[in-house]
Amino acid sequence: MNSSALFYFLFTLLLSVIFGGIIRYYYNPKRKQKIEEPKHRMLDDEQ
C-alpha cells in the first residue's frame, strides 16, 4: 500500500466519521421537538 492509497483510505474514513456524527446529531432524541416543530406549524390552521 503506497502513501497515496493510505491517504485516500484515511480521508474516506474521516469523511465517514464526520457523516456519522452529523447523522447522530440530527437524529438525537433531544432534538426531536425542534426538528418536528416546523412540520406541525405548517399543518396548523391559522384561521
N, C-alpha and C. Protein backbone atom coordinates (compact mmCIF):
# COMPACT_ATOMS: atom_id res chain seq x y z
N MET A 1 0.86 -1.17 0.00
CA MET A 1 0.00 0.00 0.00
C MET A 1 0.91 1.24 0.00
N ASN A 2 0.77 2.04 -1.01
CA ASN A 2 1.61 3.24 -1.09
C ASN A 2 0.97 4.40 -0.32
N SER A 3 1.66 5.50 -0.27
CA SER A 3 1.19 6.65 0.53
C SER A 3 -0.09 7.25 -0.03
N SER A 4 -0.24 7.23 -1.33
CA SER A 4 -1.45 7.78 -1.94
C SER A 4 -2.69 6.97 -1.54
N ALA A 5 -2.59 5.68 -1.59
CA ALA A 5 -3.70 4.81 -1.21
C ALA A 5 -4.03 4.96 0.27
N LEU A 6 -3.01 5.09 1.09
CA LEU A 6 -3.21 5.28 2.52
C LEU A 6 -3.92 6.61 2.79
N PHE A 7 -3.51 7.66 2.08
CA PHE A 7 -4.15 8.96 2.23
C PHE A 7 -5.63 8.88 1.86
N TYR A 8 -5.95 8.27 0.74
CA TYR A 8 -7.35 8.15 0.32
C TYR A 8 -8.16 7.32 1.31
N PHE A 9 -7.55 6.28 1.85
CA PHE A 9 -8.24 5.46 2.85
C PHE A 9 -8.54 6.27 4.10
N LEU A 10 -7.55 7.01 4.61
CA LEU A 10 -7.75 7.83 5.81
C LEU A 10 -8.75 8.96 5.57
N PHE A 11 -8.70 9.56 4.39
CA PHE A 11 -9.64 10.62 4.04
C PHE A 11 -11.07 10.08 3.99
N THR A 12 -11.25 8.92 3.38
CA THR A 12 -12.57 8.29 3.33
C THR A 12 -13.06 7.93 4.72
N LEU A 13 -12.18 7.43 5.54
CA LEU A 13 -12.53 7.11 6.92
C LEU A 13 -12.94 8.36 7.68
N LEU A 14 -12.21 9.45 7.50
CA LEU A 14 -12.53 10.73 8.15
C LEU A 14 -13.90 11.23 7.70
N LEU A 15 -14.17 11.20 6.42
CA LEU A 15 -15.48 11.64 5.91
C LEU A 15 -16.61 10.76 6.45
N SER A 16 -16.36 9.48 6.58
CA SER A 16 -17.38 8.58 7.12
C SER A 16 -17.68 8.90 8.58
N VAL A 17 -16.64 9.20 9.34
CA VAL A 17 -16.83 9.55 10.75
C VAL A 17 -17.60 10.86 10.87
N ILE A 18 -17.26 11.84 10.03
CA ILE A 18 -17.97 13.12 10.06
C ILE A 18 -19.43 12.93 9.68
N PHE A 19 -19.69 12.15 8.64
CA PHE A 19 -21.06 11.90 8.21
C PHE A 19 -21.85 11.18 9.30
N GLY A 20 -21.23 10.20 9.95
CA GLY A 20 -21.89 9.50 11.05
C GLY A 20 -22.20 10.43 12.21
N GLY A 21 -21.31 11.37 12.49
CA GLY A 21 -21.54 12.35 13.55
C GLY A 21 -22.71 13.27 13.23
N ILE A 22 -22.81 13.69 11.98
CA ILE A 22 -23.92 14.54 11.57
C ILE A 22 -25.24 13.79 11.71
N ILE A 23 -25.28 12.55 11.27
CA ILE A 23 -26.49 11.75 11.38
C ILE A 23 -26.86 11.53 12.84
N ARG A 24 -25.88 11.23 13.66
CA ARG A 24 -26.14 11.02 15.09
C ARG A 24 -26.65 12.30 15.75
N TYR A 25 -26.07 13.43 15.39
CA TYR A 25 -26.51 14.72 15.96
C TYR A 25 -27.94 15.04 15.54
N TYR A 26 -28.25 14.82 14.26
CA TYR A 26 -29.57 15.18 13.74
C TYR A 26 -30.67 14.29 14.34
N TYR A 27 -30.42 13.02 14.48
CA TYR A 27 -31.43 12.09 14.98
C TYR A 27 -31.39 11.89 16.49
N ASN A 28 -30.70 12.75 17.21
CA ASN A 28 -30.65 12.70 18.66
C ASN A 28 -32.06 12.94 19.23
N PRO A 29 -32.54 12.10 20.13
CA PRO A 29 -33.89 12.26 20.68
C PRO A 29 -34.12 13.61 21.37
N LYS A 30 -33.07 14.24 21.85
CA LYS A 30 -33.22 15.55 22.50
C LYS A 30 -33.60 16.63 21.50
N ARG A 31 -33.30 16.44 20.23
CA ARG A 31 -33.59 17.43 19.20
C ARG A 31 -34.91 17.17 18.49
N LYS A 32 -35.62 16.12 18.83
CA LYS A 32 -36.83 15.74 18.11
C LYS A 32 -37.86 16.85 18.07
N GLN A 33 -38.10 17.53 19.19
CA GLN A 33 -39.09 18.59 19.24
C GLN A 33 -38.72 19.73 18.29
N LYS A 34 -37.47 20.10 18.27
CA LYS A 34 -37.02 21.20 17.41
C LYS A 34 -37.13 20.82 15.93
N ILE A 35 -36.87 19.58 15.61
CA ILE A 35 -36.95 19.12 14.23
C ILE A 35 -38.40 19.01 13.77
N GLU A 36 -39.28 18.53 14.63
CA GLU A 36 -40.67 18.31 14.26
C GLU A 36 -41.51 19.60 14.28
N GLU A 37 -41.03 20.64 14.94
CA GLU A 37 -41.82 21.86 15.09
C GLU A 37 -42.25 22.50 13.77
N PRO A 38 -41.38 22.68 12.78
CA PRO A 38 -41.83 23.29 11.51
C PRO A 38 -42.92 22.48 10.81
N LYS A 39 -42.85 21.17 10.90
CA LYS A 39 -43.86 20.32 10.27
C LYS A 39 -45.23 20.56 10.89
N HIS A 40 -45.27 20.63 12.21
CA HIS A 40 -46.54 20.83 12.89
C HIS A 40 -47.06 22.26 12.67
N ARG A 41 -46.15 23.21 12.59
CA ARG A 41 -46.55 24.59 12.35
C ARG A 41 -47.17 24.73 10.96
N MET A 42 -46.65 24.02 9.97
CA MET A 42 -47.17 24.09 8.62
C MET A 42 -48.57 23.49 8.54
N LEU A 43 -48.83 22.47 9.34
CA LEU A 43 -50.12 21.80 9.29
C LEU A 43 -51.20 22.48 10.13
N ASP A 44 -50.81 23.39 11.02
CA ASP A 44 -51.80 24.09 11.85
C ASP A 44 -52.60 25.07 11.00
N ASP A 45 -53.90 25.16 11.28
CA ASP A 45 -54.74 26.16 10.64
C ASP A 45 -54.53 27.50 11.33
N GLU A 46 -54.39 28.53 10.55
CA GLU A 46 -54.15 29.86 11.12
C GLU A 46 -55.43 30.67 11.19
N GLN A 47 -56.54 30.09 10.90
CA GLN A 47 -57.81 30.84 10.92
C GLN A 47 -58.45 30.80 12.28
